[in-house]
Amino acid sequence: MTVNCNSKKDPALDWFNSQSEFWRGLLSAQDYIFDTGIHVETIHIDVCNGDLHAALILSRIIYWQGKNPITRKPRLKTERDGHLWLARHHKDWWEECRVDAKTARVAIDWLVDLGVVVKAMYSIDGAPQKHYRINRSRLRELEMTC
């Protein structure tokens, strides 16, 4: 098959080109995927030895520790000991990514034992609350071995 470069332009292509600024911004924003759904990197599944629940929770903690793609400001506001932390009850994972409380507890404990998630207890309004953050150096180390 040959391609005729002098052929008449496709009207759909004209429309797309007229929208190119919008599409360029939309498609170039890596975080767009995270803001519209749940995305799990295959490398995180590998780090978690194929445990999809652990990989999903790891991916969500990574998401929350990232920056808003529009404002470029951190999504998290809780800062303790020089780190930003994600506060979550085990039951809260269901609403976010459909992992039940028991499965979330087991997966998080496994991620903590693996060393990629750090867990701490801090008070919020006087009540103790579990907080989580990524151990980026340990995560990078494991990603390099996968």
C-alpha atoms as a PDB file:
ATOM      1  CA  MET A   1       0.000   0.000   0.000  1.00  0.00           C
ATOM      2  CA  THR A   2       1.290   3.451  -0.847  1.00  0.00           C
ATOM      3  CA  VAL A   3       0.475   6.664   0.916  1.00  0.00           C
ATOM      4  CA  ASN A   4      -0.355   9.721  -1.127  1.00  0.00           C
ATOM      5  CA  CYS A   5       0.928  12.712   0.811  1.00  0.00           C
ATOM      6  CA  ASN A   6      -0.944  15.105  -1.502  1.00  0.00           C
ATOM      7  CA  SER A   7      -4.339  13.627  -0.696  1.00  0.00           C
ATOM      8  CA  LYS A   8      -7.158  15.775   0.622  1.00  0.00           C
ATOM      9  CA  LYS A   9      -7.019  16.449   4.374  1.00  0.00           C
ATOM     10  CA  ASP A  10      -9.331  14.505   6.626  1.00  0.00           C
ATOM     11  CA  PRO A  11     -11.869  16.822   8.345  1.00  0.00           C
ATOM     12  CA  ALA A  12     -11.469  14.835  11.547  1.00  0.00           C
ATOM     13  CA  LEU A  13      -7.745  15.608  11.494  1.00  0.00           C
ATOM     14  CA  ASP A  14      -8.517  19.303  11.047  1.00  0.00           C
ATOM     15  CA  TRP A  15     -10.772  19.186  14.076  1.00  0.00           C
ATOM     16  CA  PHE A  16      -8.121  17.348  16.097  1.00  0.00           C
ATOM     17  CA  ASN A  17      -5.444  19.873  15.112  1.00  0.00           C
ATOM     18  CA  SER A  18      -7.729  22.718  16.147  1.00  0.00           C
ATOM     19  CA  GLN A  19      -8.029  21.054  19.536  1.00  0.00           C
ATOM     20  CA  SER A  20      -4.310  20.263  19.765  1.00  0.00           C
ATOM     21  CA  GLU A  21      -3.562  22.632  22.639  1.00  0.00           C
ATOM     22  CA  PHE A  22      -6.221  20.955  24.745  1.00  0.00           C
ATOM     23  CA  TRP A  23      -5.119  17.436  23.772  1.00  0.00           C
ATOM     24  CA  ARG A  24      -1.434  18.173  24.241  1.00  0.00           C
ATOM     25  CA  GLY A  25      -2.078  19.307  27.795  1.00  0.00           C
ATOM     26  CA  LEU A  26      -4.407  16.434  28.512  1.00  0.00           C
ATOM     27  CA  LEU A  27      -2.224  13.698  27.120  1.00  0.00           C
ATOM     28  CA  SER A  28       1.033  15.047  28.524  1.00  0.00           C
ATOM     29  CA  ALA A  29      -0.223  15.141  32.110  1.00  0.00           C
ATOM     30  CA  GLN A  30       0.886  11.795  33.538  1.00  0.00           C
ATOM     31  CA  ASP A  31      -1.133  12.457  36.667  1.00  0.00           C
ATOM     32  CA  TYR A  32      -4.310  12.734  34.587  1.00  0.00           C
ATOM     33  CA  ILE A  33      -4.689   8.959  34.784  1.00  0.00           C
ATOM     34  CA  PHE A  34      -4.536   9.076  38.567  1.00  0.00           C
ATOM     35  CA  ASP A  35      -7.106  11.860  38.780  1.00  0.00           C
ATOM     36  CA  THR A  36      -9.665   9.997  36.687  1.00  0.00           C
ATOM     37  CA  GLY A  37      -9.225   6.431  37.842  1.00  0.00           C
ATOM     38  CA  ILE A  38      -6.902   3.965  39.428  1.00  0.00           C
ATOM     39  CA  HIS A  39      -3.588   3.137  37.818  1.00  0.00           C
ATOM     40  CA  VAL A  40      -1.129   0.497  39.002  1.00  0.00           C
ATOM     41  CA  GLU A  41       2.334   0.354  37.451  1.00  0.00           C
ATOM     42  CA  THR A  42       3.459  -3.146  36.503  1.00  0.00           C
ATOM     43  CA  ILE A  43       6.763  -2.515  38.281  1.00  0.00           C
ATOM     44  CA  HIS A  44       4.806  -2.079  41.531  1.00  0.00           C
ATOM     45  CA  ILE A  45       3.053  -5.403  40.955  1.00  0.00           C
ATOM     46  CA  ASP A  46       6.517  -6.936  40.526  1.00  0.00           C
ATOM     47  CA  VAL A  47       7.810  -5.238  43.695  1.00  0.00           C
ATOM     48  CA  CYS A  48       4.812  -6.707  45.537  1.00  0.00           C
ATOM     49  CA  ASN A  49       5.515 -10.220  44.203  1.00  0.00           C
ATOM     50  CA  GLY A  50       2.295 -10.233  42.209  1.00  0.00           C
ATOM     51  CA  ASP A  51       0.038  -9.210  45.119  1.00  0.00           C
ATOM     52  CA  LEU A  52      -2.435  -6.910  43.364  1.00  0.00           C
ATOM     53  CA  HIS A  53      -3.952  -5.580  46.594  1.00  0.00           C
ATOM     54  CA  ALA A  54      -0.548  -4.579  47.946  1.00  0.00           C
ATOM     55  CA  ALA A  55       0.418  -3.068  44.574  1.00  0.00           C
ATOM     56  CA  LEU A  56      -2.849  -1.129  44.435  1.00  0.00           C
ATOM     57  CA  ILE A  57      -2.387   0.321  47.910  1.00  0.00           C
ATOM     58  CA  LEU A  58       1.262   1.096  47.184  1.00  0.00           C
ATOM     59  CA  SER A  59       0.188   2.913  44.012  1.00  0.00           C
ATOM     60  CA  ARG A  60      -2.408   4.934  45.891  1.00  0.00           C
ATOM     61  CA  ILE A  61       0.075   5.988  48.578  1.00  0.00           C
ATOM     62  CA  ILE A  62       2.499   7.015  45.815  1.00  0.00           C
ATOM     63  CA  TYR A  63      -0.320   8.980  44.164  1.00  0.00           C
ATOM     64  CA  TRP A  64      -1.174  10.838  47.366  1.00  0.00           C
ATOM     65  CA  GLN A  65       2.483  11.639  48.023  1.00  0.00           C
ATOM     66  CA  GLY A  66       2.746  13.235  44.583  1.00  0.00           C
ATOM     67  CA  LYS A  67       1.888  16.721  43.464  1.00  0.00           C
ATOM     68  CA  ASN A  68      -1.277  18.103  41.952  1.00  0.00           C
ATOM     69  CA  PRO A  69      -0.548  18.303  38.191  1.00  0.00           C
ATOM     70  CA  ILE A  70      -2.192  21.715  37.883  1.00  0.00           C
ATOM     71  CA  THR A  71      -0.944  23.572  40.963  1.00  0.00           C
ATOM     72  CA  ARG A  72       2.271  21.512  41.335  1.00  0.00           C
ATOM     73  CA  LYS A  73       1.666  21.629  45.089  1.00  0.00           C
ATOM     74  CA  PRO A  74       1.745  18.487  47.259  1.00  0.00           C
ATOM     75  CA  ARG A  75      -1.588  16.693  47.616  1.00  0.00           C
ATOM     76  CA  LEU A  76      -0.846  15.932  51.278  1.00  0.00           C
ATOM     77  CA  LYS A  77      -0.880  18.551  54.005  1.00  0.00           C
ATOM     78  CA  THR A  78       0.102  16.549  57.108  1.00  0.00           C
ATOM     79  CA  GLU A  79       3.787  17.119  57.775  1.00  0.00           C
ATOM     80  CA  ARG A  80       5.545  15.381  60.648  1.00  0.00           C
ATOM     81  CA  ASP A  81       9.235  14.714  61.194  1.00  0.00           C
ATOM     82  CA  GLY A  82      10.111  16.380  57.889  1.00  0.00           C
ATOM     83  CA  HIS A  83       7.834  14.143  55.784  1.00  0.00           C
ATOM     84  CA  LEU A  84       4.353  14.397  54.308  1.00  0.00           C
ATOM     85  CA  TRP A  85       2.046  11.634  55.562  1.00  0.00           C
ATOM     86  CA  LEU A  86      -1.180  10.050  54.371  1.00  0.00           C
ATOM     87  CA  ALA A  87      -3.727   9.466  57.153  1.00  0.00           C
ATOM     88  CA  ARG A  88      -6.039   6.513  56.452  1.00  0.00           C
ATOM     89  CA  HIS A  89      -8.147   4.091  58.437  1.00  0.00           C
ATOM     90  CA  HIS A  90      -8.135   0.593  56.995  1.00  0.00           C
ATOM     91  CA  LYS A  91     -11.844   0.932  56.258  1.00  0.00           C
ATOM     92  CA  ASP A  92     -11.178   4.073  54.158  1.00  0.00           C
ATOM     93  CA  TRP A  93      -9.420   2.067  51.467  1.00  0.00           C
ATOM     94  CA  TRP A  94     -12.747   0.605  50.329  1.00  0.00           C
ATOM     95  CA  GLU A  95     -14.081   4.001  49.297  1.00  0.00           C
ATOM     96  CA  GLU A  96     -10.865   4.894  47.503  1.00  0.00           C
ATOM     97  CA  CYS A  97      -9.974   1.680  45.672  1.00  0.00           C
ATOM     98  CA  ARG A  98     -12.369  -1.102  46.715  1.00  0.00           C
ATOM     99  CA  VAL A  99      -9.989  -2.916  49.059  1.00  0.00           C
ATOM    100  CA  ASP A 100     -11.764  -4.072  52.220  1.00  0.00           C
ATOM    101  CA  ALA A 101     -10.379  -3.247  55.681  1.00  0.00           C
ATOM    102  CA  LYS A 102      -8.953  -6.694  56.452  1.00  0.00           C
ATOM    103  CA  THR A 103      -7.218  -6.985  53.076  1.00  0.00           C
ATOM    104  CA  ALA A 104      -5.882  -3.426  53.428  1.00  0.00           C
ATOM    105  CA  ARG A 105      -4.446  -4.199  56.873  1.00  0.00           C
ATOM    106  CA  VAL A 106      -2.693  -7.336  55.625  1.00  0.00           C
ATOM    107  CA  ALA A 107      -1.355  -5.573  52.502  1.00  0.00           C
ATOM    108  CA  ILE A 108      -0.111  -2.535  54.425  1.00  0.00           C
ATOM    109  CA  ASP A 109       1.562  -4.696  57.067  1.00  0.00           C
ATOM    110  CA  TRP A 110       3.286  -6.603  54.255  1.00  0.00           C
ATOM    111  CA  LEU A 111       4.416  -3.330  52.586  1.00  0.00           C
ATOM    112  CA  VAL A 112       5.758  -2.101  55.937  1.00  0.00           C
ATOM    113  CA  ASP A 113       7.643  -5.388  56.468  1.00  0.00           C
ATOM    114  CA  LEU A 114       9.041  -5.075  52.931  1.00  0.00           C
ATOM    115  CA  GLY A 115      10.273  -1.598  53.854  1.00  0.00           C
ATOM    116  CA  VAL A 116       8.583   0.369  51.062  1.00  0.00           C
ATOM    117  CA  VAL A 117       5.939   1.908  53.350  1.00  0.00           C
ATOM    118  CA  VAL A 118       6.624   3.603  56.657  1.00  0.00           C
ATOM    119  CA  LYS A 119       3.810   3.564  59.224  1.00  0.00           C
ATOM    120  CA  ALA A 120       3.470   5.910  62.197  1.00  0.00           C
ATOM    121  CA  MET A 121       0.799   6.963  64.685  1.00  0.00           C
ATOM    122  CA  TYR A 122       0.026  10.654  64.987  1.00  0.00           C
ATOM    123  CA  SER A 123      -2.914  12.433  66.550  1.00  0.00           C
ATOM    124  CA  ILE A 124      -5.559  14.189  64.519  1.00  0.00           C
ATOM    125  CA  ASP A 125      -7.844  16.333  66.660  1.00  0.00           C
ATOM    126  CA  GLY A 126      -6.632  14.443  69.727  1.00  0.00           C
ATOM    127  CA  ALA A 127      -7.417  10.990  68.323  1.00  0.00           C
ATOM    128  CA  PRO A 128      -4.645   8.576  67.274  1.00  0.00           C
ATOM    129  CA  GLN A 129      -4.564   7.915  63.547  1.00  0.00           C
ATOM    130  CA  LYS A 130      -2.337   5.701  61.398  1.00  0.00           C
ATOM    131  CA  HIS A 131      -0.233   7.593  58.883  1.00  0.00           C
ATOM    132  CA  TYR A 132       1.703   6.232  55.925  1.00  0.00           C
ATOM    133  CA  ARG A 133       4.437   7.404  53.600  1.00  0.00           C
ATOM    134  CA  ILE A 134       6.657   5.861  50.936  1.00  0.00           C
ATOM    135  CA  ASN A 135      10.253   4.929  51.703  1.00  0.00           C
ATOM    136  CA  ARG A 136      11.466   6.125  48.298  1.00  0.00           C
ATOM    137  CA  SER A 137      15.014   4.810  48.593  1.00  0.00           C
ATOM    138  CA  ARG A 138      13.793   1.284  49.438  1.00  0.00           C
ATOM    139  CA  LEU A 139      11.202   1.422  46.659  1.00  0.00           C
ATOM    140  CA  ARG A 140      13.843   2.495  44.104  1.00  0.00           C
ATOM    141  CA  GLU A 141      16.131  -0.282  45.337  1.00  0.00           C
ATOM    142  CA  LEU A 142      13.423  -2.910  44.796  1.00  0.00           C
ATOM    143  CA  GLU A 143      12.391  -1.442  41.437  1.00  0.00           C
ATOM    144  CA  MET A 144      15.983  -1.796  40.229  1.00  0.00           C
ATOM    145  CA  THR A 145      15.972  -5.520  41.060  1.00  0.00           C
ATOM    146  CA  CYS A 146      12.716  -6.290  39.236  1.00  0.00           C
END
